N, C-alpha and C. Protein backbone atom coordinates (compact mmCIF):
# COMPACT_ATOMS: atom_id res chain seq x y z
N MET A 1 244.08 35.09 39.16
CA MET A 1 245.30 34.54 38.60
C MET A 1 244.98 33.23 37.87
N GLU A 2 245.46 33.14 36.64
CA GLU A 2 245.20 31.94 35.85
C GLU A 2 246.10 30.80 36.30
N SER A 3 245.55 29.59 36.22
CA SER A 3 246.35 28.42 36.57
C SER A 3 247.34 28.11 35.45
N VAL A 4 248.33 27.31 35.78
CA VAL A 4 249.31 26.89 34.78
C VAL A 4 248.62 26.13 33.66
N ASP A 5 247.63 25.28 34.00
CA ASP A 5 246.90 24.53 32.98
C ASP A 5 246.13 25.46 32.06
N ALA A 6 245.50 26.50 32.60
CA ALA A 6 244.74 27.44 31.79
C ALA A 6 245.65 28.17 30.80
N VAL A 7 246.80 28.60 31.26
CA VAL A 7 247.76 29.28 30.39
C VAL A 7 248.26 28.33 29.31
N ARG A 8 248.57 27.10 29.70
CA ARG A 8 249.05 26.10 28.74
C ARG A 8 247.98 25.82 27.67
N ASP A 9 246.70 25.66 28.09
CA ASP A 9 245.62 25.41 27.14
C ASP A 9 245.43 26.60 26.20
N HIS A 10 245.44 27.80 26.75
CA HIS A 10 245.31 29.01 25.94
C HIS A 10 246.41 29.05 24.88
N ASP A 11 247.65 28.85 25.30
CA ASP A 11 248.78 28.89 24.38
C ASP A 11 248.71 27.79 23.34
N ALA A 12 248.22 26.62 23.73
CA ALA A 12 248.09 25.50 22.79
C ALA A 12 247.06 25.81 21.71
N VAL A 13 245.95 26.44 22.08
CA VAL A 13 244.91 26.80 21.11
C VAL A 13 245.44 27.87 20.16
N VAL A 14 246.11 28.88 20.69
CA VAL A 14 246.71 29.91 19.83
C VAL A 14 247.69 29.26 18.87
N SER A 15 248.48 28.33 19.33
CA SER A 15 249.45 27.65 18.50
C SER A 15 248.77 26.89 17.36
N VAL A 16 247.65 26.24 17.63
CA VAL A 16 246.91 25.52 16.59
C VAL A 16 246.51 26.50 15.48
N ILE A 17 245.97 27.64 15.86
CA ILE A 17 245.51 28.63 14.87
C ILE A 17 246.69 29.13 14.04
N VAL A 18 247.76 29.53 14.70
CA VAL A 18 248.93 30.07 13.99
C VAL A 18 249.54 29.02 13.08
N GLN A 19 249.76 27.81 13.60
CA GLN A 19 250.38 26.75 12.79
C GLN A 19 249.51 26.38 11.59
N MET A 20 248.20 26.38 11.78
CA MET A 20 247.30 26.02 10.69
C MET A 20 247.49 26.98 9.52
N TYR A 21 247.50 28.27 9.79
CA TYR A 21 247.65 29.23 8.70
C TYR A 21 249.06 29.28 8.14
N GLN A 22 250.04 28.92 8.92
CA GLN A 22 251.40 28.80 8.39
C GLN A 22 251.48 27.67 7.37
N ALA A 23 250.59 26.69 7.49
CA ALA A 23 250.58 25.54 6.59
C ALA A 23 249.65 25.74 5.39
N LEU A 24 249.07 26.92 5.25
CA LEU A 24 248.16 27.17 4.13
C LEU A 24 248.85 26.83 2.81
N GLY A 25 248.16 26.07 1.98
CA GLY A 25 248.75 25.60 0.72
C GLY A 25 249.21 24.16 0.80
N ASP A 26 249.39 23.65 2.00
CA ASP A 26 249.77 22.26 2.24
C ASP A 26 248.57 21.60 2.92
N ARG A 27 247.64 21.08 2.11
CA ARG A 27 246.38 20.58 2.66
C ARG A 27 246.55 19.56 3.78
N PRO A 28 247.39 18.54 3.61
CA PRO A 28 247.51 17.57 4.72
C PRO A 28 247.97 18.21 6.02
N GLU A 29 248.95 19.12 5.93
CA GLU A 29 249.45 19.77 7.14
C GLU A 29 248.39 20.71 7.73
N PHE A 30 247.72 21.47 6.88
CA PHE A 30 246.64 22.36 7.32
C PHE A 30 245.54 21.53 7.99
N ASP A 31 245.14 20.44 7.33
CA ASP A 31 244.00 19.64 7.80
C ASP A 31 244.29 18.85 9.06
N ARG A 32 245.53 18.69 9.44
CA ARG A 32 245.81 17.95 10.67
C ARG A 32 245.32 18.71 11.90
N HIS A 33 244.95 19.97 11.72
CA HIS A 33 244.40 20.79 12.80
C HIS A 33 242.87 20.73 12.84
N LEU A 34 242.28 20.04 11.89
CA LEU A 34 240.82 19.97 11.75
C LEU A 34 240.30 18.59 12.14
N HIS A 35 239.18 18.57 12.83
CA HIS A 35 238.47 17.31 13.09
C HIS A 35 237.87 16.85 11.76
N GLN A 36 237.88 15.56 11.48
CA GLN A 36 237.36 15.05 10.20
C GLN A 36 235.90 15.42 9.99
N ALA A 37 235.13 15.54 11.06
CA ALA A 37 233.71 15.86 10.95
C ALA A 37 233.44 17.35 11.15
N ILE A 38 234.43 18.18 10.88
CA ILE A 38 234.31 19.63 11.05
C ILE A 38 233.10 20.17 10.29
N THR A 39 232.47 21.19 10.87
CA THR A 39 231.45 21.95 10.16
C THR A 39 232.03 23.33 9.90
N ILE A 40 231.65 23.90 8.73
CA ILE A 40 232.29 25.13 8.29
C ILE A 40 231.27 26.07 7.66
N TRP A 41 231.30 27.33 8.11
CA TRP A 41 230.57 28.42 7.45
C TRP A 41 231.62 29.30 6.79
N GLU A 42 231.48 29.55 5.51
CA GLU A 42 232.37 30.45 4.77
C GLU A 42 231.51 31.44 3.99
N SER A 43 232.01 32.64 3.81
CA SER A 43 231.25 33.68 3.10
C SER A 43 230.90 33.27 1.68
N ASP A 44 231.75 32.49 1.03
CA ASP A 44 231.50 32.11 -0.35
C ASP A 44 230.91 30.70 -0.51
N ALA A 45 230.39 30.15 0.57
CA ALA A 45 229.70 28.85 0.51
C ALA A 45 228.25 29.09 0.94
N HIS A 46 227.32 28.66 0.13
CA HIS A 46 225.91 28.94 0.39
C HIS A 46 225.34 28.13 1.54
N GLU A 47 225.92 26.99 1.82
CA GLU A 47 225.44 26.13 2.89
C GLU A 47 226.60 25.76 3.81
N MET A 48 226.26 25.25 4.98
CA MET A 48 227.29 24.80 5.89
C MET A 48 227.99 23.59 5.29
N LEU A 49 229.31 23.62 5.28
CA LEU A 49 230.10 22.50 4.82
C LEU A 49 230.25 21.51 5.97
N GLN A 50 230.25 20.23 5.63
CA GLN A 50 230.41 19.20 6.64
C GLN A 50 231.51 18.24 6.22
N GLY A 51 232.60 18.27 6.98
CA GLY A 51 233.70 17.36 6.73
C GLY A 51 234.74 17.93 5.77
N THR A 52 235.90 17.31 5.78
CA THR A 52 237.01 17.80 4.97
C THR A 52 236.80 17.56 3.48
N ALA A 53 235.98 16.58 3.09
CA ALA A 53 235.72 16.35 1.66
C ALA A 53 234.98 17.55 1.07
N GLN A 54 233.99 18.07 1.78
CA GLN A 54 233.28 19.26 1.28
C GLN A 54 234.19 20.49 1.31
N LEU A 55 235.07 20.57 2.28
CA LEU A 55 236.05 21.65 2.32
C LEU A 55 236.97 21.57 1.10
N ASP A 56 237.41 20.38 0.75
CA ASP A 56 238.27 20.21 -0.43
C ASP A 56 237.55 20.66 -1.70
N ALA A 57 236.27 20.36 -1.81
CA ALA A 57 235.50 20.79 -2.99
C ALA A 57 235.45 22.31 -3.06
N LEU A 58 235.26 22.99 -1.94
CA LEU A 58 235.27 24.46 -1.92
C LEU A 58 236.65 24.99 -2.31
N ARG A 59 237.69 24.39 -1.77
CA ARG A 59 239.06 24.81 -2.12
C ARG A 59 239.30 24.67 -3.62
N ASP A 60 238.86 23.57 -4.19
CA ASP A 60 239.06 23.33 -5.61
C ASP A 60 238.30 24.36 -6.45
N ARG A 61 237.06 24.70 -6.05
CA ARG A 61 236.29 25.73 -6.77
C ARG A 61 236.99 27.07 -6.69
N ARG A 62 237.50 27.42 -5.52
CA ARG A 62 238.21 28.69 -5.36
C ARG A 62 239.44 28.74 -6.26
N ALA A 63 240.20 27.67 -6.26
CA ALA A 63 241.43 27.63 -7.05
C ALA A 63 241.14 27.74 -8.54
N ALA A 64 240.04 27.14 -8.98
CA ALA A 64 239.71 27.14 -10.40
C ALA A 64 239.32 28.53 -10.91
N VAL A 65 238.71 29.35 -10.07
CA VAL A 65 238.24 30.65 -10.53
C VAL A 65 239.10 31.82 -10.09
N ALA A 66 239.87 31.66 -9.02
CA ALA A 66 240.53 32.81 -8.42
C ALA A 66 241.97 33.02 -8.84
N ARG A 67 242.65 31.98 -9.20
CA ARG A 67 244.09 32.14 -9.40
C ARG A 67 244.52 31.76 -10.80
N HIS A 68 245.40 32.54 -11.29
CA HIS A 68 246.15 32.19 -12.48
C HIS A 68 247.20 31.19 -12.00
N PRO A 69 247.59 30.22 -12.81
CA PRO A 69 248.55 29.21 -12.35
C PRO A 69 249.86 29.78 -11.82
N HIS A 70 250.25 30.97 -12.29
CA HIS A 70 251.51 31.55 -11.85
C HIS A 70 251.33 32.65 -10.81
N GLN A 71 250.11 32.88 -10.40
CA GLN A 71 249.85 33.92 -9.40
C GLN A 71 250.16 33.39 -8.01
N PRO A 72 250.94 34.10 -7.22
CA PRO A 72 251.24 33.61 -5.87
C PRO A 72 250.00 33.66 -4.99
N ALA A 73 249.95 32.74 -4.07
CA ALA A 73 248.82 32.70 -3.13
C ALA A 73 248.95 33.84 -2.12
N ALA A 74 247.88 34.07 -1.42
CA ALA A 74 247.88 35.10 -0.40
C ALA A 74 248.76 34.70 0.78
N VAL A 75 249.29 35.70 1.44
CA VAL A 75 249.96 35.50 2.72
C VAL A 75 248.90 35.81 3.77
N VAL A 76 248.59 34.85 4.62
CA VAL A 76 247.54 35.06 5.62
C VAL A 76 248.14 35.04 7.02
N ALA A 77 247.52 35.83 7.88
CA ALA A 77 248.00 35.90 9.27
C ALA A 77 246.83 36.19 10.20
N PRO A 78 246.66 35.34 11.21
CA PRO A 78 245.64 35.64 12.22
C PRO A 78 246.15 36.76 13.12
N GLU A 79 245.25 37.67 13.47
CA GLU A 79 245.60 38.81 14.32
C GLU A 79 244.60 38.92 15.46
N SER A 80 245.04 39.46 16.56
CA SER A 80 244.17 39.73 17.72
C SER A 80 243.40 38.48 18.16
N ILE A 81 244.13 37.39 18.37
CA ILE A 81 243.49 36.12 18.75
C ILE A 81 243.05 36.20 20.20
N ARG A 82 241.77 35.90 20.43
CA ARG A 82 241.22 35.82 21.78
C ARG A 82 240.73 34.39 21.99
N VAL A 83 241.07 33.80 23.12
CA VAL A 83 240.74 32.40 23.39
C VAL A 83 240.11 32.27 24.76
N ASP A 84 239.06 31.47 24.83
CA ASP A 84 238.48 31.03 26.10
C ASP A 84 238.46 29.51 26.09
N VAL A 85 238.78 28.92 27.23
CA VAL A 85 238.83 27.47 27.36
C VAL A 85 237.94 27.06 28.52
N TRP A 86 237.11 26.04 28.28
CA TRP A 86 236.25 25.45 29.31
C TRP A 86 236.47 23.94 29.26
N GLY A 87 237.34 23.44 30.09
CA GLY A 87 237.62 22.00 30.09
C GLY A 87 238.23 21.56 28.78
N ASP A 88 237.52 20.67 28.07
CA ASP A 88 238.02 20.14 26.81
C ASP A 88 237.46 20.87 25.60
N THR A 89 236.87 22.05 25.82
CA THR A 89 236.30 22.86 24.74
C THR A 89 236.92 24.26 24.77
N ALA A 90 237.19 24.80 23.60
CA ALA A 90 237.75 26.15 23.52
C ALA A 90 237.11 26.88 22.34
N VAL A 91 237.08 28.19 22.44
CA VAL A 91 236.65 29.02 21.32
C VAL A 91 237.72 30.08 21.08
N ALA A 92 238.07 30.24 19.81
CA ALA A 92 239.05 31.25 19.42
C ALA A 92 238.38 32.22 18.46
N ARG A 93 238.59 33.52 18.69
CA ARG A 93 238.06 34.56 17.82
C ARG A 93 239.23 35.40 17.38
N TYR A 94 239.26 35.73 16.07
CA TYR A 94 240.39 36.50 15.57
C TYR A 94 240.06 37.11 14.23
N ASN A 95 240.89 38.07 13.84
CA ASN A 95 240.84 38.65 12.50
C ASN A 95 241.88 37.92 11.66
N LEU A 96 241.51 37.63 10.44
CA LEU A 96 242.43 36.98 9.52
C LEU A 96 242.67 37.93 8.36
N LYS A 97 243.91 38.31 8.17
CA LYS A 97 244.25 39.23 7.08
C LYS A 97 244.93 38.45 5.97
N ALA A 98 244.42 38.64 4.76
CA ALA A 98 245.01 38.04 3.57
C ALA A 98 245.66 39.15 2.76
N SER A 99 246.96 39.05 2.57
CA SER A 99 247.72 40.06 1.84
C SER A 99 248.19 39.50 0.51
N TYR A 100 248.10 40.32 -0.50
CA TYR A 100 248.52 39.95 -1.85
C TYR A 100 249.61 40.91 -2.29
N GLU A 101 250.77 40.80 -1.71
CA GLU A 101 251.86 41.75 -1.94
C GLU A 101 252.39 41.72 -3.36
N ALA A 102 252.43 40.57 -3.98
CA ALA A 102 253.09 40.44 -5.28
C ALA A 102 252.15 40.67 -6.47
N VAL A 103 250.88 40.87 -6.21
CA VAL A 103 249.92 41.05 -7.31
C VAL A 103 249.04 42.27 -7.03
N ALA A 104 248.42 42.75 -8.07
CA ALA A 104 247.54 43.91 -7.93
C ALA A 104 246.17 43.45 -7.46
N ARG A 105 246.10 43.10 -6.21
CA ARG A 105 244.83 42.67 -5.62
C ARG A 105 244.76 43.27 -4.22
N ARG A 106 243.60 43.74 -3.85
CA ARG A 106 243.43 44.37 -2.56
C ARG A 106 243.47 43.34 -1.44
N ASP A 107 244.07 43.74 -0.32
CA ASP A 107 244.08 42.87 0.85
C ASP A 107 242.65 42.62 1.31
N GLU A 108 242.45 41.50 1.98
CA GLU A 108 241.13 41.15 2.50
C GLU A 108 241.24 40.84 3.98
N SER A 109 240.14 41.05 4.69
CA SER A 109 240.08 40.72 6.11
C SER A 109 238.83 39.90 6.38
N PHE A 110 238.97 38.99 7.34
CA PHE A 110 237.87 38.10 7.71
C PHE A 110 237.74 38.08 9.22
N ARG A 111 236.51 37.98 9.69
CA ARG A 111 236.25 37.73 11.11
C ARG A 111 236.07 36.22 11.24
N VAL A 112 236.79 35.62 12.18
CA VAL A 112 236.78 34.16 12.29
C VAL A 112 236.49 33.74 13.72
N THR A 113 235.68 32.70 13.85
CA THR A 113 235.46 32.03 15.13
C THR A 113 235.70 30.54 14.89
N ASP A 114 236.55 29.96 15.72
CA ASP A 114 236.81 28.52 15.67
C ASP A 114 236.45 27.91 17.02
N VAL A 115 235.76 26.79 16.98
CA VAL A 115 235.48 26.01 18.19
C VAL A 115 236.39 24.79 18.13
N LEU A 116 237.09 24.55 19.22
CA LEU A 116 238.04 23.45 19.27
C LEU A 116 237.67 22.49 20.38
N ARG A 117 238.05 21.23 20.21
CA ARG A 117 237.85 20.21 21.22
C ARG A 117 239.18 19.50 21.45
N ARG A 118 239.46 19.24 22.72
CA ARG A 118 240.68 18.51 23.04
C ARG A 118 240.46 17.04 22.67
N SER A 119 241.44 16.49 21.95
CA SER A 119 241.43 15.09 21.56
C SER A 119 242.76 14.50 22.01
N GLY A 120 242.76 13.86 23.16
CA GLY A 120 244.02 13.41 23.73
C GLY A 120 244.82 14.60 24.17
N GLU A 121 246.02 14.74 23.63
CA GLU A 121 246.89 15.88 23.95
C GLU A 121 246.76 17.01 22.93
N ARG A 122 245.94 16.82 21.90
CA ARG A 122 245.82 17.80 20.81
C ARG A 122 244.50 18.53 20.87
N TRP A 123 244.49 19.74 20.32
CA TRP A 123 243.27 20.49 20.11
C TRP A 123 242.94 20.44 18.62
N LEU A 124 241.69 20.10 18.28
CA LEU A 124 241.25 20.04 16.89
C LEU A 124 240.07 20.99 16.71
N ILE A 125 240.03 21.63 15.55
CA ILE A 125 238.92 22.53 15.24
C ILE A 125 237.73 21.69 14.80
N VAL A 126 236.61 21.85 15.50
CA VAL A 126 235.39 21.11 15.18
C VAL A 126 234.37 21.97 14.45
N HIS A 127 234.50 23.30 14.58
CA HIS A 127 233.63 24.21 13.83
C HIS A 127 234.42 25.48 13.50
N HIS A 128 234.29 25.91 12.26
CA HIS A 128 234.99 27.10 11.76
C HIS A 128 233.96 28.01 11.10
N HIS A 129 233.95 29.27 11.49
CA HIS A 129 233.04 30.25 10.89
C HIS A 129 233.88 31.45 10.48
N SER A 130 233.89 31.73 9.17
CA SER A 130 234.67 32.84 8.63
C SER A 130 233.75 33.74 7.81
N GLU A 131 233.84 35.04 8.08
CA GLU A 131 233.02 36.01 7.38
C GLU A 131 233.90 37.10 6.79
N ALA A 132 233.79 37.29 5.49
CA ALA A 132 234.55 38.37 4.84
C ALA A 132 234.03 39.70 5.35
N MET A 133 234.96 40.58 5.68
CA MET A 133 234.59 41.90 6.16
C MET A 133 234.50 42.83 4.95
N ALA A 134 233.52 43.70 4.98
CA ALA A 134 233.34 44.65 3.89
C ALA A 134 234.56 45.57 3.81
N ARG A 135 234.94 45.87 2.61
CA ARG A 135 236.05 46.81 2.40
C ARG A 135 235.54 48.22 2.62
N THR A 136 236.34 49.01 3.26
CA THR A 136 235.96 50.40 3.48
C THR A 136 236.78 51.28 2.53
N VAL A 137 236.17 52.33 2.08
CA VAL A 137 236.84 53.26 1.20
C VAL A 137 237.51 54.31 2.06
N THR A 138 238.81 54.54 1.83
CA THR A 138 239.53 55.55 2.61
C THR A 138 239.98 56.69 1.75
């Protein structure tokens, strides 16, 4: 039987993940879930990113090549979130689905692992690893 603290920590970590993606497009709100010294692996980044400044540079590159100014952004949703917590450290694993309902673009899926650390009463992501999943032909 899980303790009340374990359930509360699990739910808090899930909430961080869900709230972060609900804020996609609002960098300050999205980034409030990230530690300033975050490290990041992304499928379209050749090296590990370090810190939010390098993340911003990746975001800017993506925006410059991927979107027409009037094209709506993707709707993203984390699915099948699994969380383990050990004291002030947690790991979350989930699938992230990006849907492009309003444009002729295929949906995308990513496998994601986030490592979080408790900072006071908050959980912050200290490492993010996202890998684009290969599209399957059906």
